[in-house]
Amino acid sequence: MSGNPDDPPIERRSHLRTAVLKDGAIITGDVKIACSVRNQHAHGAELRVDPGVVVPERFVLHVRADGVEYRAVVRWRKNERLGVQIY
């Protein structure tokens, strides 16, 4: 049964996301792919890459503003957007 259209959408995420806009780099082997971090939480992030860029399933994510590198695995893809789990 559907709810009232005026009700706010149900949040299904298990972790609160913080909207950010940070430059990043996807690093795999000797290849660096520029990306932007659009939202981030302790266990993941949403990244944006240029259209047509091929991103591997696993990589190192370097977030320049934070001076941090994370191991990342792609959990979902939609056009130039990627949802990744970081650890």
PDB file of N, CA and C in Angstrom:
ATOM      1  N   MET A   1       0.850  -1.168   0.000  1.00  0.00           N
ATOM      2  CA  MET A   1       0.000   0.000   0.000  1.00  0.00           C
ATOM      3  C   MET A   1       0.893   1.228   0.000  1.00  0.00           C
ATOM      4  N   SER A   2       0.646   2.184  -0.866  1.00  0.00           N
ATOM      5  CA  SER A   2       1.491   3.369  -0.966  1.00  0.00           C
ATOM      6  C   SER A   2       1.069   4.403   0.064  1.00  0.00           C
ATOM      7  N   GLY A   3       2.035   5.214   0.518  1.00  0.00           N
ATOM      8  CA  GLY A   3       1.787   6.236   1.525  1.00  0.00           C
ATOM      9  C   GLY A   3       1.292   7.521   0.893  1.00  0.00           C
ATOM     10  N   ASN A   4       1.101   8.492   1.712  1.00  0.00           N
ATOM     11  CA  ASN A   4       0.676   9.819   1.293  1.00  0.00           C
ATOM     12  C   ASN A   4       1.786  10.447   0.454  1.00  0.00           C
ATOM     13  N   PRO A   5       1.465  11.011  -0.711  1.00  0.00           N
ATOM     14  CA  PRO A   5       2.522  11.594  -1.550  1.00  0.00           C
ATOM     15  C   PRO A   5       3.224  12.777  -0.892  1.00  0.00           C
ATOM     16  N   ASP A   6       2.616  13.354   0.149  1.00  0.00           N
ATOM     17  CA  ASP A   6       3.251  14.473   0.853  1.00  0.00           C
ATOM     18  C   ASP A   6       4.230  14.004   1.918  1.00  0.00           C
ATOM     19  N   ASP A   7       4.228  12.687   2.224  1.00  0.00           N
ATOM     20  CA  ASP A   7       5.155  12.148   3.220  1.00  0.00           C
ATOM     21  C   ASP A   7       6.574  12.162   2.659  1.00  0.00           C
ATOM     22  N   PRO A   8       7.582  12.385   3.520  1.00  0.00           N
ATOM     23  CA  PRO A   8       8.966  12.327   3.036  1.00  0.00           C
ATOM     24  C   PRO A   8       9.313  10.906   2.617  1.00  0.00           C
ATOM     25  N   PRO A   9      10.268  10.748   1.686  1.00  0.00           N
ATOM     26  CA  PRO A   9      10.654   9.403   1.264  1.00  0.00           C
ATOM     27  C   PRO A   9      11.270   8.629   2.427  1.00  0.00           C
ATOM     28  N   ILE A  10      11.127   7.320   2.387  1.00  0.00           N
ATOM     29  CA  ILE A  10      11.701   6.460   3.416  1.00  0.00           C
ATOM     30  C   ILE A  10      13.190   6.299   3.130  1.00  0.00           C
ATOM     31  N   GLU A  11      14.006   6.572   4.131  1.00  0.00           N
ATOM     32  CA  GLU A  11      15.464   6.441   3.994  1.00  0.00           C
ATOM     33  C   GLU A  11      15.840   4.986   4.250  1.00  0.00           C
ATOM     34  N   ARG A  12      16.390   4.315   3.251  1.00  0.00           N
ATOM     35  CA  ARG A  12      16.753   2.910   3.369  1.00  0.00           C
ATOM     36  C   ARG A  12      18.243   2.706   3.648  1.00  0.00           C
ATOM     37  N   ARG A  13      19.011   3.766   3.641  1.00  0.00           N
ATOM     38  CA  ARG A  13      20.450   3.647   3.869  1.00  0.00           C
ATOM     39  C   ARG A  13      20.720   3.341   5.331  1.00  0.00           C
ATOM     40  N   SER A  14      21.749   2.534   5.572  1.00  0.00           N
ATOM     41  CA  SER A  14      22.096   2.184   6.944  1.00  0.00           C
ATOM     42  C   SER A  14      23.089   3.166   7.565  1.00  0.00           C
ATOM     43  N   HIS A  15      23.688   4.042   6.753  1.00  0.00           N
ATOM     44  CA  HIS A  15      24.649   5.021   7.253  1.00  0.00           C
ATOM     45  C   HIS A  15      24.283   6.404   6.730  1.00  0.00           C
ATOM     46  N   LEU A  16      24.314   7.398   7.592  1.00  0.00           N
ATOM     47  CA  LEU A  16      24.032   8.772   7.204  1.00  0.00           C
ATOM     48  C   LEU A  16      25.131   9.257   6.267  1.00  0.00           C
ATOM     49  N   ARG A  17      24.728   9.795   5.106  1.00  0.00           N
ATOM     50  CA  ARG A  17      25.692  10.334   4.145  1.00  0.00           C
ATOM     51  C   ARG A  17      25.833  11.830   4.372  1.00  0.00           C
ATOM     52  N   THR A  18      27.034  12.326   4.201  1.00  0.00           N
ATOM     53  CA  THR A  18      27.298  13.751   4.266  1.00  0.00           C
ATOM     54  C   THR A  18      27.636  14.224   2.863  1.00  0.00           C
ATOM     55  N   ALA A  19      26.890  15.210   2.387  1.00  0.00           N
ATOM     56  CA  ALA A  19      27.163  15.756   1.059  1.00  0.00           C
ATOM     57  C   ALA A  19      28.497  16.497   1.090  1.00  0.00           C
ATOM     58  N   VAL A  20      29.353  16.191   0.147  1.00  0.00           N
ATOM     59  CA  VAL A  20      30.662  16.832   0.043  1.00  0.00           C
ATOM     60  C   VAL A  20      30.944  17.068  -1.440  1.00  0.00           C
ATOM     61  N   LEU A  21      31.952  17.830  -1.707  1.00  0.00           N
ATOM     62  CA  LEU A  21      32.458  17.984  -3.072  1.00  0.00           C
ATOM     63  C   LEU A  21      33.974  18.072  -2.960  1.00  0.00           C
ATOM     64  N   LYS A  22      34.609  16.912  -3.108  1.00  0.00           N
ATOM     65  CA  LYS A  22      36.061  16.819  -2.966  1.00  0.00           C
ATOM     66  C   LYS A  22      36.636  16.193  -4.222  1.00  0.00           C
ATOM     67  N   ASP A  23      37.828  16.652  -4.605  1.00  0.00           N
ATOM     68  CA  ASP A  23      38.549  16.016  -5.703  1.00  0.00           C
ATOM     69  C   ASP A  23      39.148  14.717  -5.198  1.00  0.00           C
ATOM     70  N   GLY A  24      39.158  13.738  -6.082  1.00  0.00           N
ATOM     71  CA  GLY A  24      39.750  12.464  -5.727  1.00  0.00           C
ATOM     72  C   GLY A  24      40.422  11.838  -6.927  1.00  0.00           C
ATOM     73  N   ALA A  25      41.034  10.698  -6.678  1.00  0.00           N
ATOM     74  CA  ALA A  25      41.665   9.939  -7.755  1.00  0.00           C
ATOM     75  C   ALA A  25      41.435   8.462  -7.494  1.00  0.00           C
ATOM     76  N   ILE A  26      41.031   7.763  -8.537  1.00  0.00           N
ATOM     77  CA  ILE A  26      40.896   6.314  -8.514  1.00  0.00           C
ATOM     78  C   ILE A  26      42.225   5.777  -9.022  1.00  0.00           C
ATOM     79  N   ILE A  27      42.893   4.986  -8.195  1.00  0.00           N
ATOM     80  CA  ILE A  27      44.237   4.502  -8.529  1.00  0.00           C
ATOM     81  C   ILE A  27      44.198   2.990  -8.662  1.00  0.00           C
ATOM     82  N   THR A  28      44.638   2.515  -9.802  1.00  0.00           N
ATOM     83  CA  THR A  28      44.742   1.087 -10.036  1.00  0.00           C
ATOM     84  C   THR A  28      46.004   0.842 -10.858  1.00  0.00           C
ATOM     85  N   GLY A  29      46.915   0.092 -10.300  1.00  0.00           N
ATOM     86  CA  GLY A  29      48.199  -0.100 -10.982  1.00  0.00           C
ATOM     87  C   GLY A  29      48.886   1.232 -11.154  1.00  0.00           C
ATOM     88  N   ASP A  30      49.276   1.565 -12.381  1.00  0.00           N
ATOM     89  CA  ASP A  30      49.922   2.853 -12.640  1.00  0.00           C
ATOM     90  C   ASP A  30      48.962   3.848 -13.290  1.00  0.00           C
ATOM     91  N   VAL A  31      47.642   3.570 -13.237  1.00  0.00           N
ATOM     92  CA  VAL A  31      46.625   4.437 -13.836  1.00  0.00           C
ATOM     93  C   VAL A  31      45.921   5.237 -12.743  1.00  0.00           C
ATOM     94  N   LYS A  32      45.765   6.555 -12.990  1.00  0.00           N
ATOM     95  CA  LYS A  32      44.997   7.428 -12.095  1.00  0.00           C
ATOM     96  C   LYS A  32      43.833   8.009 -12.879  1.00  0.00           C
ATOM     97  N   ILE A  33      42.636   7.886 -12.318  1.00  0.00           N
ATOM     98  CA  ILE A  33      41.418   8.396 -12.941  1.00  0.00           C
ATOM     99  C   ILE A  33      40.863   9.482 -12.034  1.00  0.00           C
ATOM    100  N   ALA A  34      40.689  10.681 -12.569  1.00  0.00           N
ATOM    101  CA  ALA A  34      40.136  11.782 -11.777  1.00  0.00           C
ATOM    102  C   ALA A  34      38.669  11.500 -11.458  1.00  0.00           C
ATOM    103  N   CYS A  35      38.268  11.869 -10.239  1.00  0.00           N
ATOM    104  CA  CYS A  35      36.879  11.715  -9.842  1.00  0.00           C
ATOM    105  C   CYS A  35      36.533  12.802  -8.830  1.00  0.00           C
ATOM    106  N   SER A  36      35.247  12.942  -8.559  1.00  0.00           N
ATOM    107  CA  SER A  36      34.829  13.812  -7.460  1.00  0.00           C
ATOM    108  C   SER A  36      34.040  12.964  -6.479  1.00  0.00           C
ATOM    109  N   VAL A  37      34.223  13.261  -5.205  1.00  0.00           N
ATOM    110  CA  VAL A  37      33.497  12.583  -4.136  1.00  0.00           C
ATOM    111  C   VAL A  37      32.283  13.451  -3.849  1.00  0.00           C
ATOM    112  N   ARG A  38      31.079  12.891  -4.015  1.00  0.00           N
ATOM    113  CA  ARG A  38      29.844  13.670  -3.886  1.00  0.00           C
ATOM    114  C   ARG A  38      29.180  13.503  -2.527  1.00  0.00           C
ATOM    115  N   ASN A  39      29.276  12.343  -1.927  1.00  0.00           N
ATOM    116  CA  ASN A  39      28.853  12.167  -0.544  1.00  0.00           C
ATOM    117  C   ASN A  39      29.711  11.079   0.052  1.00  0.00           C
ATOM    118  N   GLN A  40      29.786  11.080   1.369  1.00  0.00           N
ATOM    119  CA  GLN A  40      30.750  10.199   2.014  1.00  0.00           C
ATOM    120  C   GLN A  40      30.271   9.862   3.409  1.00  0.00           C
ATOM    121  N   HIS A  41      30.572   8.658   3.852  1.00  0.00           N
ATOM    122  CA  HIS A  41      30.336   8.247   5.227  1.00  0.00           C
ATOM    123  C   HIS A  41      31.448   7.286   5.608  1.00  0.00           C
ATOM    124  N   ALA A  42      31.404   6.764   6.800  1.00  0.00           N
ATOM    125  CA  ALA A  42      32.512   5.942   7.306  1.00  0.00           C
ATOM    126  C   ALA A  42      32.766   4.686   6.483  1.00  0.00           C
ATOM    127  N   HIS A  43      31.747   4.177   5.775  1.00  0.00           N
ATOM    128  CA  HIS A  43      31.900   2.906   5.073  1.00  0.00           C
ATOM    129  C   HIS A  43      31.741   2.997   3.564  1.00  0.00           C
ATOM    130  N   GLY A  44      31.556   4.213   3.030  1.00  0.00           N
ATOM    131  CA  GLY A  44      31.373   4.304   1.592  1.00  0.00           C
ATOM    132  C   GLY A  44      31.304   5.726   1.093  1.00  0.00           C
ATOM    133  N   ALA A  45      31.098   5.832  -0.212  1.00  0.00           N
ATOM    134  CA  ALA A  45      31.038   7.144  -0.850  1.00  0.00           C
ATOM    135  C   ALA A  45      30.363   7.014  -2.204  1.00  0.00           C
ATOM    136  N   GLU A  46      29.873   8.146  -2.696  1.00  0.00           N
ATOM    137  CA  GLU A  46      29.401   8.219  -4.074  1.00  0.00           C
ATOM    138  C   GLU A  46      30.418   9.032  -4.849  1.00  0.00           C
ATOM    139  N   LEU A  47      30.888   8.467  -5.945  1.00  0.00           N
ATOM    140  CA  LEU A  47      31.885   9.122  -6.787  1.00  0.00           C
ATOM    141  C   LEU A  47      31.266   9.467  -8.129  1.00  0.00           C
ATOM    142  N   ARG A  48      31.813  10.483  -8.778  1.00  0.00           N
ATOM    143  CA  ARG A  48      31.444  10.827 -10.154  1.00  0.00           C
ATOM    144  C   ARG A  48      32.710  10.851 -10.986  1.00  0.00           C
ATOM    145  N   VAL A  49      32.616  10.249 -12.162  1.00  0.00           N
ATOM    146  CA  VAL A  49      33.724  10.236 -13.116  1.00  0.00           C
ATOM    147  C   VAL A  49      33.218  10.792 -14.440  1.00  0.00           C
ATOM    148  N   ASP A  50      34.109  11.104 -15.343  1.00  0.00           N
ATOM    149  CA  ASP A  50      33.710  11.568 -16.665  1.00  0.00           C
ATOM    150  C   ASP A  50      32.944  10.458 -17.387  1.00  0.00           C
ATOM    151  N   PRO A  51      31.933  10.820 -18.183  1.00  0.00           N
ATOM    152  CA  PRO A  51      31.178   9.812 -18.945  1.00  0.00           C
ATOM    153  C   PRO A  51      32.115   8.962 -19.802  1.00  0.00           C
ATOM    154  N   GLY A  52      31.854   7.676 -19.848  1.00  0.00           N
ATOM    155  CA  GLY A  52      32.638   6.769 -20.682  1.00  0.00           C
ATOM    156  C   GLY A  52      33.887   6.219 -20.024  1.00  0.00           C
ATOM    157  N   VAL A  53      34.237   6.723 -18.851  1.00  0.00           N
ATOM    158  CA  VAL A  53      35.431   6.231 -18.165  1.00  0.00           C
ATOM    159  C   VAL A  53      35.146   4.838 -17.604  1.00  0.00           C
ATOM    160  N   VAL A  54      36.065   3.910 -17.834  1.00  0.00           N
ATOM    161  CA  VAL A  54      35.935   2.553 -17.319  1.00  0.00           C
ATOM    162  C   VAL A  54      36.663   2.471 -15.977  1.00  0.00           C
ATOM    163  N   VAL A  55      35.911   2.119 -14.940  1.00  0.00           N
ATOM    164  CA  VAL A  55      36.470   2.023 -13.595  1.00  0.00           C
ATOM    165  C   VAL A  55      36.447   0.553 -13.184  1.00  0.00           C
ATOM    166  N   PRO A  56      37.570   0.024 -12.696  1.00  0.00           N
ATOM    167  CA  PRO A  56      37.601  -1.378 -12.271  1.00  0.00           C
ATOM    168  C   PRO A  56      36.758  -1.591 -11.013  1.00  0.00           C
ATOM    169  N   GLU A  57      36.464  -2.851 -10.706  1.00  0.00           N
ATOM    170  CA  GLU A  57      35.652  -3.192  -9.535  1.00  0.00           C
ATOM    171  C   GLU A  57      36.347  -2.841  -8.219  1.00  0.00           C
ATOM    172  N   ARG A  58      37.669  -2.974  -8.158  1.00  0.00           N
ATOM    173  CA  ARG A  58      38.440  -2.695  -6.938  1.00  0.00           C
ATOM    174  C   ARG A  58      39.559  -1.720  -7.268  1.00  0.00           C
ATOM    175  N   PHE A  59      39.798  -0.790  -6.358  1.00  0.00           N
ATOM    176  CA  PHE A  59      40.837   0.213  -6.579  1.00  0.00           C
ATOM    177  C   PHE A  59      41.156   0.910  -5.268  1.00  0.00           C
ATOM    178  N   VAL A  60      42.149   1.786  -5.322  1.00  0.00           N
ATOM    179  CA  VAL A  60      42.479   2.663  -4.198  1.00  0.00           C
ATOM    180  C   VAL A  60      41.881   4.032  -4.509  1.00  0.00           C
ATOM    181  N   LEU A  61      41.153   4.582  -3.546  1.00  0.00           N
ATOM    182  CA  LEU A  61      40.571   5.912  -3.688  1.00  0.00           C
ATOM    183  C   LEU A  61      41.408   6.886  -2.874  1.00  0.00           C
ATOM    184  N   HIS A  62      41.986   7.865  -3.560  1.00  0.00           N
ATOM    185  CA  HIS A  62      42.770   8.913  -2.891  1.00  0.00           C
ATOM    186  C   HIS A  62      41.906  10.166  -2.823  1.00  0.00           C
ATOM    187  N   VAL A  63      41.633  10.641  -1.590  1.00  0.00           N
ATOM    188  CA  VAL A  63      40.861  11.871  -1.386  1.00  0.00           C
ATOM    189  C   VAL A  63      41.864  12.958  -1.026  1.00  0.00           C
ATOM    190  N   ARG A  64      42.144  13.819  -1.979  1.00  0.00           N
ATOM    191  CA  ARG A  64      43.211  14.815  -1.829  1.00  0.00           C
ATOM    192  C   ARG A  64      42.983  15.737  -0.638  1.00  0.00           C
ATOM    193  N   ALA A  65      41.768  16.261  -0.477  1.00  0.00           N
ATOM    194  CA  ALA A  65      41.488  17.235   0.589  1.00  0.00           C
ATOM    195  C   ALA A  65      41.745  16.656   1.976  1.00  0.00           C
ATOM    196  N   ASP A  66      41.540  15.354   2.124  1.00  0.00           N
ATOM    197  CA  ASP A  66      41.737  14.700   3.422  1.00  0.00           C
ATOM    198  C   ASP A  66      43.122  14.084   3.555  1.00  0.00           C
ATOM    199  N   GLY A  67      43.848  13.976   2.449  1.00  0.00           N
ATOM    200  CA  GLY A  67      45.161  13.342   2.473  1.00  0.00           C
ATOM    201  C   GLY A  67      45.082  11.873   2.864  1.00  0.00           C
ATOM    202  N   VAL A  68      44.004  11.199   2.416  1.00  0.00           N
ATOM    203  CA  VAL A  68      43.748   9.822   2.829  1.00  0.00           C
ATOM    204  C   VAL A  68      43.566   8.942   1.596  1.00  0.00           C
ATOM    205  N   GLU A  69      43.983   7.677   1.721  1.00  0.00           N
ATOM    206  CA  GLU A  69      43.716   6.678   0.701  1.00  0.00           C
ATOM    207  C   GLU A  69      42.917   5.539   1.322  1.00  0.00           C
ATOM    208  N   TYR A  70      41.916   5.073   0.592  1.00  0.00           N
ATOM    209  CA  TYR A  70      41.074   3.966   1.034  1.00  0.00           C
ATOM    210  C   TYR A  70      41.105   2.870  -0.010  1.00  0.00           C
ATOM    211  N   ARG A  71      40.983   1.631   0.421  1.00  0.00           N
ATOM    212  CA  ARG A  71      40.698   0.553  -0.520  1.00  0.00           C
ATOM    213  C   ARG A  71      39.203   0.625  -0.779  1.00  0.00           C
ATOM    214  N   ALA A  72      38.793   0.457  -2.024  1.00  0.00           N
ATOM    215  CA  ALA A  72      37.386   0.605  -2.384  1.00  0.00           C
ATOM    216  C   ALA A  72      36.941  -0.508  -3.320  1.00  0.00           C
ATOM    217  N   VAL A  73      35.671  -0.853  -3.211  1.00  0.00           N
ATOM    218  CA  VAL A  73      35.048  -1.817  -4.113  1.00  0.00           C
ATOM    219  C   VAL A  73      33.716  -1.217  -4.575  1.00  0.00           C
ATOM    220  N   VAL A  74      33.446  -1.332  -5.877  1.00  0.00           N
ATOM    221  CA  VAL A  74      32.214  -0.773  -6.449  1.00  0.00           C
ATOM    222  C   VAL A  74      31.037  -1.629  -6.021  1.00  0.00           C
ATOM    223  N   ARG A  75      29.998  -0.992  -5.494  1.00  0.00           N
ATOM    224  CA  ARG A  75      28.769  -1.678  -5.089  1.00  0.00           C
ATOM    225  C   ARG A  75      27.624  -1.413  -6.060  1.00  0.00           C
ATOM    226  N   TRP A  76      27.652  -0.252  -6.742  1.00  0.00           N
ATOM    227  CA  TRP A  76      26.648   0.036  -7.765  1.00  0.00           C
ATOM    228  C   TRP A  76      27.204   1.056  -8.740  1.00  0.00           C
ATOM    229  N   ARG A  77      26.607   1.080  -9.935  1.00  0.00           N
ATOM    230  CA  ARG A  77      26.999   2.016 -11.002  1.00  0.00           C
ATOM    231  C   ARG A  77      25.743   2.540 -11.672  1.00  0.00           C
ATOM    232  N   LYS A  78      25.731   3.814 -11.973  1.00  0.00           N
ATOM    233  CA  LYS A  78      24.650   4.403 -12.765  1.00  0.00           C
ATOM    234  C   LYS A  78      25.254   5.564 -13.543  1.00  0.00           C
ATOM    235  N   ASN A  79      25.417   5.343 -14.852  1.00  0.00           N
ATOM    236  CA  ASN A  79      26.042   6.332 -15.737  1.00  0.00           C
ATOM    237  C   ASN A  79      27.416   6.706 -15.185  1.00  0.00           C
ATOM    238  N   GLU A  80      27.633   7.989 -14.890  1.00  0.00           N
ATOM    239  CA  GLU A  80      28.946   8.423 -14.394  1.00  0.00           C
ATOM    240  C   GLU A  80      29.049   8.371 -12.870  1.00  0.00           C
ATOM    241  N   ARG A  81      28.033   7.839 -12.199  1.00  0.00           N
ATOM    242  CA  ARG A  81      28.020   7.749 -10.732  1.00  0.00           C
ATOM    243  C   ARG A  81      28.395   6.346 -10.275  1.00  0.00           C
ATOM    244  N   LEU A  82      29.168   6.277  -9.203  1.00  0.00           N
ATOM    245  CA  LEU A  82      29.577   4.995  -8.614  1.00  0.00           C
ATOM    246  C   LEU A  82      29.331   5.047  -7.117  1.00  0.00           C
ATOM    247  N   GLY A  83      28.750   4.007  -6.595  1.00  0.00           N
ATOM    248  CA  GLY A  83      28.663   3.850  -5.143  1.00  0.00           C
ATOM    249  C   GLY A  83      29.727   2.862  -4.731  1.00  0.00           C
ATOM    250  N   VAL A  84      30.598   3.263  -3.809  1.00  0.00           N
ATOM    251  CA  VAL A  84      31.684   2.384  -3.403  1.00  0.00           C
ATOM    252  C   VAL A  84      31.661   2.143  -1.903  1.00  0.00           C
ATOM    253  N   GLN A  85      32.100   0.961  -1.533  1.00  0.00           N
ATOM    254  CA  GLN A  85      32.342   0.618  -0.137  1.00  0.00           C
ATOM    255  C   GLN A  85      33.823   0.860   0.100  1.00  0.00           C
ATOM    256  N   ILE A  86      34.153   1.581   1.176  1.00  0.00           N
ATOM    257  CA  ILE A  86      35.561   1.843   1.481  1.00  0.00           C
ATOM    258  C   ILE A  86      35.930   1.147   2.780  1.00  0.00           C
ATOM    259  N   TYR A  87      37.191   0.729   2.848  1.00  0.00           N
ATOM    260  CA  TYR A  87      37.681   0.045   4.051  1.00  0.00           C
ATOM    261  C   TYR A  87      39.158   0.246   4.194  1.00  0.00           C
TER     262      TYR A  87
END
